[in-house]
Amino acid sequence: MDANLRACVAYIAGRLASKRKSSSVFDYDQGKYISIGGSLSMSAVNVYDYDQGCYIAGSGNGSRYSLYHYGESCYITLQIAESTFRGFDYGSSSHFSGRVSGNSISIYDYGEGGYFNYAI
């Protein structure tokens, strides 16, 4: 999975699971903040990644979301169950899973074969 796409997934999953507001996500691997803004609700996601200059948008039912990343031109599925999440990135054809704890998010990217950490 692309690094910025993974950071966006961390931001979306972190906000939905924790119900916290944030205008950025800190990517520990890249060592930088990525500004992201927009709205998230139980039924819709519409956020803008200022780093890549593109939208990530889609719909859901509170636990399952179907998203589209306009910068990468790919779909992403995201399923959230309390503090854990999982999904699939159609752009890289890889699964991911993760956990949200407070403002910290950890993602295991099966395509990269490793863990990545974020904070909102």
PDB file of N, CA and C in Angstrom:
ATOM      1  N   MET A   1       0.846  -1.179   0.000  1.00  0.00           N
ATOM      2  CA  MET A   1       0.000   0.000   0.000  1.00  0.00           C
ATOM      3  C   MET A   1       0.889   1.239   0.000  1.00  0.00           C
ATOM      4  N   ASP A   2       0.515   2.233  -0.750  1.00  0.00           N
ATOM      5  CA  ASP A   2       1.228   3.497  -0.790  1.00  0.00           C
ATOM      6  C   ASP A   2       1.242   4.134   0.599  1.00  0.00           C
ATOM      7  N   ALA A   3       2.361   4.790   0.953  1.00  0.00           N
ATOM      8  CA  ALA A   3       2.527   5.373   2.297  1.00  0.00           C
ATOM      9  C   ALA A   3       1.444   6.401   2.627  1.00  0.00           C
ATOM     10  N   ASN A   4       1.121   7.292   1.680  1.00  0.00           N
ATOM     11  CA  ASN A   4       0.106   8.305   1.974  1.00  0.00           C
ATOM     12  C   ASN A   4      -1.287   7.697   2.068  1.00  0.00           C
ATOM     13  N   LEU A   5      -1.558   6.702   1.240  1.00  0.00           N
ATOM     14  CA  LEU A   5      -2.849   6.019   1.315  1.00  0.00           C
ATOM     15  C   LEU A   5      -2.997   5.322   2.662  1.00  0.00           C
ATOM     16  N   ARG A   6      -1.938   4.689   3.125  1.00  0.00           N
ATOM     17  CA  ARG A   6      -1.958   4.019   4.425  1.00  0.00           C
ATOM     18  C   ARG A   6      -2.201   5.038   5.540  1.00  0.00           C
ATOM     19  N   ALA A   7      -1.561   6.210   5.445  1.00  0.00           N
ATOM     20  CA  ALA A   7      -1.767   7.267   6.444  1.00  0.00           C
ATOM     21  C   ALA A   7      -3.216   7.761   6.430  1.00  0.00           C
ATOM     22  N   CYS A   8      -3.805   7.865   5.241  1.00  0.00           N
ATOM     23  CA  CYS A   8      -5.208   8.281   5.138  1.00  0.00           C
ATOM     24  C   CYS A   8      -6.133   7.239   5.759  1.00  0.00           C
ATOM     25  N   VAL A   9      -5.854   5.972   5.517  1.00  0.00           N
ATOM     26  CA  VAL A   9      -6.650   4.899   6.129  1.00  0.00           C
ATOM     27  C   VAL A   9      -6.524   4.969   7.646  1.00  0.00           C
ATOM     28  N   ALA A  10      -5.306   5.214   8.146  1.00  0.00           N
ATOM     29  CA  ALA A  10      -5.100   5.348   9.593  1.00  0.00           C
ATOM     30  C   ALA A  10      -5.919   6.513  10.153  1.00  0.00           C
ATOM     31  N   TYR A  11      -5.914   7.633   9.445  1.00  0.00           N
ATOM     32  CA  TYR A  11      -6.676   8.812   9.853  1.00  0.00           C
ATOM     33  C   TYR A  11      -8.172   8.501   9.911  1.00  0.00           C
ATOM     34  N   ILE A  12      -8.691   7.911   8.842  1.00  0.00           N
ATOM     35  CA  ILE A  12     -10.126   7.607   8.773  1.00  0.00           C
ATOM     36  C   ILE A  12     -10.518   6.595   9.840  1.00  0.00           C
ATOM     37  N   ALA A  13      -9.780   5.498   9.938  1.00  0.00           N
ATOM     38  CA  ALA A  13     -10.089   4.475  10.944  1.00  0.00           C
ATOM     39  C   ALA A  13      -9.944   5.037  12.353  1.00  0.00           C
ATOM     40  N   GLY A  14      -8.899   5.826  12.577  1.00  0.00           N
ATOM     41  CA  GLY A  14      -8.679   6.422  13.897  1.00  0.00           C
ATOM     42  C   GLY A  14      -9.788   7.357  14.303  1.00  0.00           C
ATOM     43  N   ARG A  15     -10.230   8.191  13.391  1.00  0.00           N
ATOM     44  CA  ARG A  15     -11.323   9.119  13.711  1.00  0.00           C
ATOM     45  C   ARG A  15     -12.636   8.395  13.923  1.00  0.00           C
ATOM     46  N   LEU A  16     -12.941   7.422  13.065  1.00  0.00           N
ATOM     47  CA  LEU A  16     -14.209   6.708  13.209  1.00  0.00           C
ATOM     48  C   LEU A  16     -14.245   5.873  14.480  1.00  0.00           C
ATOM     49  N   ALA A  17     -13.153   5.195  14.800  1.00  0.00           N
ATOM     50  CA  ALA A  17     -13.128   4.325  15.977  1.00  0.00           C
ATOM     51  C   ALA A  17     -13.060   5.110  17.286  1.00  0.00           C
ATOM     52  N   SER A  18     -12.279   6.189  17.299  1.00  0.00           N
ATOM     53  CA  SER A  18     -12.090   6.941  18.545  1.00  0.00           C
ATOM     54  C   SER A  18     -13.091   8.068  18.728  1.00  0.00           C
ATOM     55  N   LYS A  19     -13.770   8.461  17.640  1.00  0.00           N
ATOM     56  CA  LYS A  19     -14.707   9.592  17.641  1.00  0.00           C
ATOM     57  C   LYS A  19     -13.999  10.914  17.965  1.00  0.00           C
ATOM     58  N   ARG A  20     -12.675  10.962  17.759  1.00  0.00           N
ATOM     59  CA  ARG A  20     -11.894  12.174  18.003  1.00  0.00           C
ATOM     60  C   ARG A  20     -11.839  13.022  16.740  1.00  0.00           C
ATOM     61  N   LYS A  21     -11.731  14.327  16.931  1.00  0.00           N
ATOM     62  CA  LYS A  21     -11.562  15.235  15.801  1.00  0.00           C
ATOM     63  C   LYS A  21     -10.078  15.501  15.627  1.00  0.00           C
ATOM     64  N   SER A  22      -9.660  15.629  14.370  1.00  0.00           N
ATOM     65  CA  SER A  22      -8.266  15.912  14.068  1.00  0.00           C
ATOM     66  C   SER A  22      -8.181  16.482  12.660  1.00  0.00           C
ATOM     67  N   SER A  23      -7.198  17.348  12.444  1.00  0.00           N
ATOM     68  CA  SER A  23      -6.994  17.917  11.111  1.00  0.00           C
ATOM     69  C   SER A  23      -5.715  17.388  10.475  1.00  0.00           C
ATOM     70  N   SER A  24      -5.116  16.365  11.110  1.00  0.00           N
ATOM     71  CA  SER A  24      -3.908  15.771  10.542  1.00  0.00           C
ATOM     72  C   SER A  24      -3.657  14.406  11.166  1.00  0.00           C
ATOM     73  N   VAL A  25      -2.736  13.689  10.554  1.00  0.00           N
ATOM     74  CA  VAL A  25      -2.276  12.413  11.093  1.00  0.00           C
ATOM     75  C   VAL A  25      -0.754  12.468  11.080  1.00  0.00           C
ATOM     76  N   PHE A  26      -0.124  11.990  12.154  1.00  0.00           N
ATOM     77  CA  PHE A  26       1.330  11.934  12.175  1.00  0.00           C
ATOM     78  C   PHE A  26       1.754  10.535  11.754  1.00  0.00           C
ATOM     79  N   ASP A  27       2.583  10.470  10.722  1.00  0.00           N
ATOM     80  CA  ASP A  27       3.096   9.214  10.190  1.00  0.00           C
ATOM     81  C   ASP A  27       4.505   9.030  10.753  1.00  0.00           C
ATOM     82  N   TYR A  28       4.671   8.095  11.693  1.00  0.00           N
ATOM     83  CA  TYR A  28       5.973   7.881  12.323  1.00  0.00           C
ATOM     84  C   TYR A  28       7.009   7.359  11.326  1.00  0.00           C
ATOM     85  N   ASP A  29       6.584   6.579  10.346  1.00  0.00           N
ATOM     86  CA  ASP A  29       7.507   6.041   9.359  1.00  0.00           C
ATOM     87  C   ASP A  29       8.077   7.149   8.471  1.00  0.00           C
ATOM     88  N   GLN A  30       7.214   8.077   8.040  1.00  0.00           N
ATOM     89  CA  GLN A  30       7.665   9.194   7.206  1.00  0.00           C
ATOM     90  C   GLN A  30       8.206  10.347   8.053  1.00  0.00           C
ATOM     91  N   GLY A  31       7.888  10.332   9.365  1.00  0.00           N
ATOM     92  CA  GLY A  31       8.356  11.377  10.263  1.00  0.00           C
ATOM     93  C   GLY A  31       7.752  12.730  10.002  1.00  0.00           C
ATOM     94  N   LYS A  32       6.454  12.746   9.632  1.00  0.00           N
ATOM     95  CA  LYS A  32       5.817  14.033   9.339  1.00  0.00           C
ATOM     96  C   LYS A  32       4.311  13.979   9.559  1.00  0.00           C
ATOM     97  N   TYR A  33       3.737  15.181   9.722  1.00  0.00           N
ATOM     98  CA  TYR A  33       2.297  15.344   9.777  1.00  0.00           C
ATOM     99  C   TYR A  33       1.749  15.430   8.364  1.00  0.00           C
ATOM    100  N   ILE A  34       0.597  14.813   8.150  1.00  0.00           N
ATOM    101  CA  ILE A  34      -0.111  14.907   6.877  1.00  0.00           C
ATOM    102  C   ILE A  34      -1.447  15.573   7.176  1.00  0.00           C
ATOM    103  N   SER A  35      -1.671  16.742   6.581  1.00  0.00           N
ATOM    104  CA  SER A  35      -2.917  17.480   6.801  1.00  0.00           C
ATOM    105  C   SER A  35      -4.050  16.830   6.035  1.00  0.00           C
ATOM    106  N   ILE A  36      -5.131  16.553   6.753  1.00  0.00           N
ATOM    107  CA  ILE A  36      -6.321  15.955   6.157  1.00  0.00           C
ATOM    108  C   ILE A  36      -7.526  16.657   6.757  1.00  0.00           C
ATOM    109  N   GLY A  37      -8.467  17.023   5.952  1.00  0.00           N
ATOM    110  CA  GLY A  37      -9.665  17.682   6.440  1.00  0.00           C
ATOM    111  C   GLY A  37     -10.892  17.130   5.763  1.00  0.00           C
ATOM    112  N   GLY A  38     -12.032  17.347   6.388  1.00  0.00           N
ATOM    113  CA  GLY A  38     -13.284  16.898   5.797  1.00  0.00           C
ATOM    114  C   GLY A  38     -14.217  16.337   6.843  1.00  0.00           C
ATOM    115  N   SER A  39     -15.203  15.594   6.372  1.00  0.00           N
ATOM    116  CA  SER A  39     -16.220  15.082   7.284  1.00  0.00           C
ATOM    117  C   SER A  39     -16.265  13.559   7.276  1.00  0.00           C
ATOM    118  N   LEU A  40     -16.542  13.029   8.454  1.00  0.00           N
ATOM    119  CA  LEU A  40     -16.716  11.589   8.631  1.00  0.00           C
ATOM    120  C   LEU A  40     -17.961  11.370   9.471  1.00  0.00           C
ATOM    121  N   SER A  41     -18.781  10.428   9.062  1.00  0.00           N
ATOM    122  CA  SER A  41     -19.967  10.077   9.834  1.00  0.00           C
ATOM    123  C   SER A  41     -20.182   8.577   9.738  1.00  0.00           C
ATOM    124  N   MET A  42     -21.206   8.097  10.383  1.00  0.00           N
ATOM    125  CA  MET A  42     -21.515   6.673  10.340  1.00  0.00           C
ATOM    126  C   MET A  42     -21.885   6.220   8.919  1.00  0.00           C
ATOM    127  N   SER A  43     -22.343   7.155   8.090  1.00  0.00           N
ATOM    128  CA  SER A  43     -22.797   6.769   6.747  1.00  0.00           C
ATOM    129  C   SER A  43     -21.944   7.293   5.601  1.00  0.00           C
ATOM    130  N   ALA A  44     -21.009   8.204   5.868  1.00  0.00           N
ATOM    131  CA  ALA A  44     -20.234   8.775   4.766  1.00  0.00           C
ATOM    132  C   ALA A  44     -18.859   9.262   5.211  1.00  0.00           C
ATOM    133  N   VAL A  45     -17.914   9.159   4.293  1.00  0.00           N
ATOM    134  CA  VAL A  45     -16.565   9.684   4.475  1.00  0.00           C
ATOM    135  C   VAL A  45     -16.283  10.596   3.297  1.00  0.00           C
ATOM    136  N   ASN A  46     -15.839  11.807   3.580  1.00  0.00           N
ATOM    137  CA  ASN A  46     -15.460  12.753   2.530  1.00  0.00           C
ATOM    138  C   ASN A  46     -14.325  13.606   3.080  1.00  0.00           C
ATOM    139  N   VAL A  47     -13.085  13.159   2.860  1.00  0.00           N
ATOM    140  CA  VAL A  47     -11.927  13.869   3.386  1.00  0.00           C
ATOM    141  C   VAL A  47     -10.986  14.240   2.247  1.00  0.00           C
ATOM    142  N   TYR A  48     -10.153  15.256   2.514  1.00  0.00           N
ATOM    143  CA  TYR A  48      -9.206  15.752   1.519  1.00  0.00           C
ATOM    144  C   TYR A  48      -7.797  15.621   2.080  1.00  0.00           C
ATOM    145  N   ASP A  49      -6.925  14.946   1.341  1.00  0.00           N
ATOM    146  CA  ASP A  49      -5.517  14.784   1.700  1.00  0.00           C
ATOM    147  C   ASP A  49      -4.752  15.949   1.072  1.00  0.00           C
ATOM    148  N   TYR A  50      -4.354  16.922   1.904  1.00  0.00           N
ATOM    149  CA  TYR A  50      -3.670  18.109   1.401  1.00  0.00           C
ATOM    150  C   TYR A  50      -2.259  17.791   0.917  1.00  0.00           C
ATOM    151  N   ASP A  51      -1.664  16.726   1.425  1.00  0.00           N
ATOM    152  CA  ASP A  51      -0.319  16.323   1.016  1.00  0.00           C
ATOM    153  C   ASP A  51      -0.306  15.845  -0.440  1.00  0.00           C
ATOM    154  N   GLN A  52      -1.317  15.054  -0.812  1.00  0.00           N
ATOM    155  CA  GLN A  52      -1.405  14.545  -2.178  1.00  0.00           C
ATOM    156  C   GLN A  52      -2.348  15.365  -3.054  1.00  0.00           C
ATOM    157  N   GLY A  53      -3.140  16.229  -2.432  1.00  0.00           N
ATOM    158  CA  GLY A  53      -4.072  17.067  -3.175  1.00  0.00           C
ATOM    159  C   GLY A  53      -5.210  16.288  -3.793  1.00  0.00           C
ATOM    160  N   CYS A  54      -5.846  15.397  -2.995  1.00  0.00           N
ATOM    161  CA  CYS A  54      -6.935  14.591  -3.538  1.00  0.00           C
ATOM    162  C   CYS A  54      -7.927  14.200  -2.446  1.00  0.00           C
ATOM    163  N   TYR A  55      -9.099  13.784  -2.888  1.00  0.00           N
ATOM    164  CA  TYR A  55     -10.162  13.346  -1.994  1.00  0.00           C
ATOM    165  C   TYR A  55     -10.135  11.840  -1.788  1.00  0.00           C
ATOM    166  N   ILE A  56     -10.641  11.431  -0.637  1.00  0.00           N
ATOM    167  CA  ILE A  56     -10.964  10.040  -0.339  1.00  0.00           C
ATOM    168  C   ILE A  56     -12.411  10.097   0.133  1.00  0.00           C
ATOM    169  N   ALA A  57     -13.284   9.422  -0.580  1.00  0.00           N
ATOM    170  CA  ALA A  57     -14.706   9.531  -0.266  1.00  0.00           C
ATOM    171  C   ALA A  57     -15.403   8.194  -0.447  1.00  0.00           C
ATOM    172  N   GLY A  58     -16.522   8.050   0.249  1.00  0.00           N
ATOM    173  CA  GLY A  58     -17.315   6.841   0.112  1.00  0.00           C
ATOM    174  C   GLY A  58     -18.433   6.795   1.118  1.00  0.00           C
ATOM    175  N   SER A  59     -19.089   5.655   1.159  1.00  0.00           N
ATOM    176  CA  SER A  59     -20.229   5.492   2.052  1.00  0.00           C
ATOM    177  C   SER A  59     -20.041   4.259   2.924  1.00  0.00           C
ATOM    178  N   GLY A  60     -20.871   4.198   3.958  1.00  0.00           N
ATOM    179  CA  GLY A  60     -20.794   3.070   4.880  1.00  0.00           C
ATOM    180  C   GLY A  60     -22.040   2.964   5.721  1.00  0.00           C
ATOM    181  N   ASN A  61     -22.002   2.010   6.643  1.00  0.00           N
ATOM    182  CA  ASN A  61     -23.149   1.799   7.519  1.00  0.00           C
ATOM    183  C   ASN A  61     -22.751   1.836   8.996  1.00  0.00           C
ATOM    184  N   GLY A  62     -21.604   2.411   9.300  1.00  0.00           N
ATOM    185  CA  GLY A  62     -21.141   2.490  10.682  1.00  0.00           C
ATOM    186  C   GLY A  62     -20.089   1.463  11.019  1.00  0.00           C
ATOM    187  N   SER A  63     -20.031   0.383  10.258  1.00  0.00           N
ATOM    188  CA  SER A  63     -18.983  -0.607  10.490  1.00  0.00           C
ATOM    189  C   SER A  63     -18.269  -1.017   9.202  1.00  0.00           C
ATOM    190  N   ARG A  64     -18.942  -0.914   8.069  1.00  0.00           N
ATOM    191  CA  ARG A  64     -18.336  -1.264   6.774  1.00  0.00           C
ATOM    192  C   ARG A  64     -18.397  -0.065   5.843  1.00  0.00           C
ATOM    193  N   TYR A  65     -17.248   0.236   5.237  1.00  0.00           N
ATOM    194  CA  TYR A  65     -17.165   1.383   4.337  1.00  0.00           C
ATOM    195  C   TYR A  65     -16.547   0.965   3.011  1.00  0.00           C
ATOM    196  N   SER A  66     -17.049   1.553   1.949  1.00  0.00           N
ATOM    197  CA  SER A  66     -16.473   1.398   0.625  1.00  0.00           C
ATOM    198  C   SER A  66     -15.979   2.778   0.217  1.00  0.00           C
ATOM    199  N   LEU A  67     -14.657   2.921   0.058  1.00  0.00           N
ATOM    200  CA  LEU A  67     -14.039   4.218  -0.185  1.00  0.00           C
ATOM    201  C   LEU A  67     -13.345   4.242  -1.543  1.00  0.00           C
ATOM    202  N   TYR A  68     -13.171   5.456  -2.075  1.00  0.00           N
ATOM    203  CA  TYR A  68     -12.423   5.623  -3.316  1.00  0.00           C
ATOM    204  C   TYR A  68     -11.373   6.702  -3.096  1.00  0.00           C
ATOM    205  N   HIS A  69     -10.122   6.381  -3.401  1.00  0.00           N
ATOM    206  CA  HIS A  69      -9.010   7.330  -3.288  1.00  0.00           C
ATOM    207  C   HIS A  69      -8.774   7.924  -4.673  1.00  0.00           C
ATOM    208  N   TYR A  70      -9.128   9.193  -4.837  1.00  0.00           N
ATOM    209  CA  TYR A  70      -9.052   9.834  -6.148  1.00  0.00           C
ATOM    210  C   TYR A  70      -7.626  10.070  -6.619  1.00  0.00           C
ATOM    211  N   GLY A  71      -6.669  10.160  -5.708  1.00  0.00           N
ATOM    212  CA  GLY A  71      -5.270  10.340  -6.098  1.00  0.00           C
ATOM    213  C   GLY A  71      -4.649   9.070  -6.641  1.00  0.00           C
ATOM    214  N   GLU A  72      -4.989   7.947  -6.033  1.00  0.00           N
ATOM    215  CA  GLU A  72      -4.450   6.649  -6.454  1.00  0.00           C
ATOM    216  C   GLU A  72      -5.385   5.946  -7.442  1.00  0.00           C
ATOM    217  N   SER A  73      -6.579   6.491  -7.631  1.00  0.00           N
ATOM    218  CA  SER A  73      -7.599   5.896  -8.505  1.00  0.00           C
ATOM    219  C   SER A  73      -7.880   4.444  -8.137  1.00  0.00           C
ATOM    220  N   CYS A  74      -8.164   4.232  -6.853  1.00  0.00           N
ATOM    221  CA  CYS A  74      -8.431   2.860  -6.408  1.00  0.00           C
ATOM    222  C   CYS A  74      -9.480   2.841  -5.300  1.00  0.00           C
ATOM    223  N   TYR A  75     -10.127   1.702  -5.177  1.00  0.00           N
ATOM    224  CA  TYR A  75     -11.104   1.468  -4.115  1.00  0.00           C
ATOM    225  C   TYR A  75     -10.424   0.863  -2.899  1.00  0.00           C
ATOM    226  N   ILE A  76     -11.014   1.130  -1.741  1.00  0.00           N
ATOM    227  CA  ILE A  76     -10.540   0.569  -0.477  1.00  0.00           C
ATOM    228  C   ILE A  76     -11.776   0.143   0.300  1.00  0.00           C
ATOM    229  N   THR A  77     -11.737  -1.041   0.863  1.00  0.00           N
ATOM    230  CA  THR A  77     -12.796  -1.433   1.785  1.00  0.00           C
ATOM    231  C   THR A  77     -12.247  -1.279   3.190  1.00  0.00           C
ATOM    232  N   LEU A  78     -13.113  -0.900   4.118  1.00  0.00           N
ATOM    233  CA  LEU A  78     -12.720  -0.708   5.508  1.00  0.00           C
ATOM    234  C   LEU A  78     -13.839  -1.211   6.398  1.00  0.00           C
ATOM    235  N   GLN A  79     -13.497  -2.108   7.305  1.00  0.00           N
ATOM    236  CA  GLN A  79     -14.458  -2.635   8.262  1.00  0.00           C
ATOM    237  C   GLN A  79     -13.940  -2.333   9.664  1.00  0.00           C
ATOM    238  N   ILE A  80     -14.785  -1.683  10.482  1.00  0.00           N
ATOM    239  CA  ILE A  80     -14.395  -1.278  11.827  1.00  0.00           C
ATOM    240  C   ILE A  80     -15.258  -2.001  12.852  1.00  0.00           C
ATOM    241  N   ALA A  81     -14.608  -2.572  13.864  1.00  0.00           N
ATOM    242  CA  ALA A  81     -15.304  -3.239  14.962  1.00  0.00           C
ATOM    243  C   ALA A  81     -14.688  -2.737  16.270  1.00  0.00           C
ATOM    244  N   GLU A  82     -15.337  -1.745  16.874  1.00  0.00           N
ATOM    245  CA  GLU A  82     -14.860  -1.090  18.095  1.00  0.00           C
ATOM    246  C   GLU A  82     -13.473  -0.497  17.872  1.00  0.00           C
ATOM    247  N   SER A  83     -12.418  -1.082  18.438  1.00  0.00           N
ATOM    248  CA  SER A  83     -11.081  -0.496  18.319  1.00  0.00           C
ATOM    249  C   SER A  83     -10.200  -1.201  17.286  1.00  0.00           C
ATOM    250  N   THR A  84     -10.753  -2.154  16.549  1.00  0.00           N
ATOM    251  CA  THR A  84      -9.968  -2.832  15.516  1.00  0.00           C
ATOM    252  C   THR A  84     -10.589  -2.573  14.148  1.00  0.00           C
ATOM    253  N   PHE A  85      -9.779  -2.720  13.127  1.00  0.00           N
ATOM    254  CA  PHE A  85     -10.269  -2.531  11.762  1.00  0.00           C
ATOM    255  C   PHE A  85      -9.474  -3.425  10.818  1.00  0.00           C
ATOM    256  N   ARG A  86     -10.051  -3.630   9.649  1.00  0.00           N
ATOM    257  CA  ARG A  86      -9.374  -4.384   8.596  1.00  0.00           C
ATOM    258  C   ARG A  86      -9.956  -3.954   7.267  1.00  0.00           C
ATOM    259  N   GLY A  87      -9.251  -4.300   6.212  1.00  0.00           N
ATOM    260  CA  GLY A  87      -9.749  -3.914   4.903  1.00  0.00           C
ATOM    261  C   GLY A  87      -8.864  -4.406   3.790  1.00  0.00           C
ATOM    262  N   PHE A  88      -9.160  -3.891   2.597  1.00  0.00           N
ATOM    263  CA  PHE A  88      -8.442  -4.308   1.397  1.00  0.00           C
ATOM    264  C   PHE A  88      -8.219  -3.096   0.507  1.00  0.00           C
ATOM    265  N   ASP A  89      -6.983  -2.950   0.020  1.00  0.00           N
ATOM    266  CA  ASP A  89      -6.614  -1.889  -0.908  1.00  0.00           C
ATOM    267  C   ASP A  89      -6.543  -2.505  -2.299  1.00  0.00           C
ATOM    268  N   TYR A  90      -7.480  -2.124  -3.158  1.00  0.00           N
ATOM    269  CA  TYR A  90      -7.530  -2.679  -4.507  1.00  0.00           C
ATOM    270  C   TYR A  90      -6.396  -2.160  -5.392  1.00  0.00           C
ATOM    271  N   GLY A  91      -5.796  -1.034  -5.029  1.00  0.00           N
ATOM    272  CA  GLY A  91      -4.683  -0.498  -5.809  1.00  0.00           C
ATOM    273  C   GLY A  91      -3.444  -1.369  -5.725  1.00  0.00           C
ATOM    274  N   SER A  92      -3.154  -1.867  -4.533  1.00  0.00           N
ATOM    275  CA  SER A  92      -1.981  -2.730  -4.342  1.00  0.00           C
ATOM    276  C   SER A  92      -2.374  -4.198  -4.190  1.00  0.00           C
ATOM    277  N   SER A  93      -3.673  -4.470  -4.248  1.00  0.00           N
ATOM    278  CA  SER A  93      -4.203  -5.833  -4.060  1.00  0.00           C
ATOM    279  C   SER A  93      -3.697  -6.453  -2.760  1.00  0.00           C
ATOM    280  N   SER A  94      -3.771  -5.668  -1.676  1.00  0.00           N
ATOM    281  CA  SER A  94      -3.286  -6.173  -0.396  1.00  0.00           C
ATOM    282  C   SER A  94      -4.254  -5.870   0.738  1.00  0.00           C
ATOM    283  N   HIS A  95      -4.266  -6.776   1.698  1.00  0.00           N
ATOM    284  CA  HIS A  95      -5.064  -6.627   2.909  1.00  0.00           C
ATOM    285  C   HIS A  95      -4.303  -5.795   3.927  1.00  0.00           C
ATOM    286  N   PHE A  96      -5.056  -5.236   4.869  1.00  0.00           N
ATOM    287  CA  PHE A  96      -4.458  -4.552   6.014  1.00  0.00           C
ATOM    288  C   PHE A  96      -5.359  -4.771   7.214  1.00  0.00           C
ATOM    289  N   SER A  97      -4.789  -4.629   8.390  1.00  0.00           N
ATOM    290  CA  SER A  97      -5.570  -4.705   9.625  1.00  0.00           C
ATOM    291  C   SER A  97      -4.919  -3.777  10.634  1.00  0.00           C
ATOM    292  N   GLY A  98      -5.673  -3.402  11.653  1.00  0.00           N
ATOM    293  CA  GLY A  98      -5.106  -2.472  12.619  1.00  0.00           C
ATOM    294  C   GLY A  98      -5.904  -2.343  13.888  1.00  0.00           C
ATOM    295  N   ARG A  99      -5.361  -1.505  14.752  1.00  0.00           N
ATOM    296  CA  ARG A  99      -5.954  -1.252  16.066  1.00  0.00           C
ATOM    297  C   ARG A  99      -5.824   0.228  16.390  1.00  0.00           C
ATOM    298  N   VAL A 100      -6.872   0.757  17.043  1.00  0.00           N
ATOM    299  CA  VAL A 100      -6.886   2.139  17.501  1.00  0.00           C
ATOM    300  C   VAL A 100      -6.896   2.123  19.021  1.00  0.00           C
ATOM    301  N   SER A 101      -5.982   2.882  19.613  1.00  0.00           N
ATOM    302  CA  SER A 101      -5.905   2.990  21.073  1.00  0.00           C
ATOM    303  C   SER A 101      -5.705   4.458  21.419  1.00  0.00           C
ATOM    304  N   GLY A 102      -6.782   5.117  21.857  1.00  0.00           N
ATOM    305  CA  GLY A 102      -6.718   6.554  22.116  1.00  0.00           C
ATOM    306  C   GLY A 102      -6.484   7.296  20.813  1.00  0.00           C
ATOM    307  N   ASN A 103      -5.375   8.054  20.761  1.00  0.00           N
ATOM    308  CA  ASN A 103      -5.066   8.768  19.517  1.00  0.00           C
ATOM    309  C   ASN A 103      -3.997   8.036  18.687  1.00  0.00           C
ATOM    310  N   SER A 104      -3.646   6.810  19.076  1.00  0.00           N
ATOM    311  CA  SER A 104      -2.641   6.028  18.358  1.00  0.00           C
ATOM    312  C   SER A 104      -3.301   4.979  17.462  1.00  0.00           C
ATOM    313  N   ILE A 105      -2.743   4.825  16.286  1.00  0.00           N
ATOM    314  CA  ILE A 105      -3.245   3.842  15.323  1.00  0.00           C
ATOM    315  C   ILE A 105      -2.068   3.014  14.834  1.00  0.00           C
ATOM    316  N   SER A 106      -2.250   1.706  14.805  1.00  0.00           N
ATOM    317  CA  SER A 106      -1.236   0.802  14.280  1.00  0.00           C
ATOM    318  C   SER A 106      -1.863  -0.006  13.151  1.00  0.00           C
ATOM    319  N   ILE A 107      -1.171  -0.078  12.018  1.00  0.00           N
ATOM    320  CA  ILE A 107      -1.661  -0.828  10.856  1.00  0.00           C
ATOM    321  C   ILE A 107      -0.634  -1.895  10.488  1.00  0.00           C
ATOM    322  N   TYR A 108      -1.131  -3.099  10.257  1.00  0.00           N
ATOM    323  CA  TYR A 108      -0.289  -4.129   9.645  1.00  0.00           C
ATOM    324  C   TYR A 108      -0.668  -4.196   8.172  1.00  0.00           C
ATOM    325  N   ASP A 109       0.297  -3.889   7.307  1.00  0.00           N
ATOM    326  CA  ASP A 109       0.098  -3.901   5.861  1.00  0.00           C
ATOM    327  C   ASP A 109       0.637  -5.233   5.339  1.00  0.00           C
ATOM    328  N   TYR A 110      -0.262  -6.122   4.920  1.00  0.00           N
ATOM    329  CA  TYR A 110       0.137  -7.443   4.453  1.00  0.00           C
ATOM    330  C   TYR A 110       0.966  -7.381   3.177  1.00  0.00           C
ATOM    331  N   GLY A 111       0.748  -6.365   2.342  1.00  0.00           N
ATOM    332  CA  GLY A 111       1.523  -6.200   1.123  1.00  0.00           C
ATOM    333  C   GLY A 111       2.971  -5.836   1.415  1.00  0.00           C
ATOM    334  N   GLU A 112       3.167  -4.998   2.434  1.00  0.00           N
ATOM    335  CA  GLU A 112       4.514  -4.586   2.835  1.00  0.00           C
ATOM    336  C   GLU A 112       5.127  -5.554   3.853  1.00  0.00           C
ATOM    337  N   GLY A 113       4.271  -6.337   4.500  1.00  0.00           N
ATOM    338  CA  GLY A 113       4.751  -7.290   5.498  1.00  0.00           C
ATOM    339  C   GLY A 113       5.276  -6.633   6.755  1.00  0.00           C
ATOM    340  N   GLY A 114       4.626  -5.547   7.191  1.00  0.00           N
ATOM    341  CA  GLY A 114       5.104  -4.864   8.386  1.00  0.00           C
ATOM    342  C   GLY A 114       4.064  -3.983   9.033  1.00  0.00           C
ATOM    343  N   TYR A 115       4.407  -3.522  10.254  1.00  0.00           N
ATOM    344  CA  TYR A 115       3.564  -2.627  11.037  1.00  0.00           C
ATOM    345  C   TYR A 115       3.960  -1.181  10.773  1.00  0.00           C
ATOM    346  N   PHE A 116       2.951  -0.276  10.809  1.00  0.00           N
ATOM    347  CA  PHE A 116       3.152   1.140  10.645  1.00  0.00           C
ATOM    348  C   PHE A 116       2.321   1.853  11.702  1.00  0.00           C
ATOM    349  N   ASN A 117       2.880   2.915  12.309  1.00  0.00           N
ATOM    350  CA  ASN A 117       2.233   3.601  13.423  1.00  0.00           C
ATOM    351  C   ASN A 117       1.940   5.052  13.115  1.00  0.00           C
ATOM    352  N   TYR A 118       0.801   5.505  13.648  1.00  0.00           N
ATOM    353  CA  TYR A 118       0.286   6.834  13.380  1.00  0.00           C
ATOM    354  C   TYR A 118      -0.339   7.420  14.637  1.00  0.00           C
ATOM    355  N   ALA A 119      -0.550   8.723  14.631  1.00  0.00           N
ATOM    356  CA  ALA A 119      -1.269   9.408  15.724  1.00  0.00           C
ATOM    357  C   ALA A 119      -2.140  10.497  15.131  1.00  0.00           C
ATOM    358  N   ILE A 120      -3.358  10.641  15.697  1.00  0.00           N
ATOM    359  CA  ILE A 120      -4.234  11.733  15.268  1.00  0.00           C
ATOM    360  C   ILE A 120      -4.392  12.706  16.415  1.00  0.00           C
TER     361      ILE A 120
END
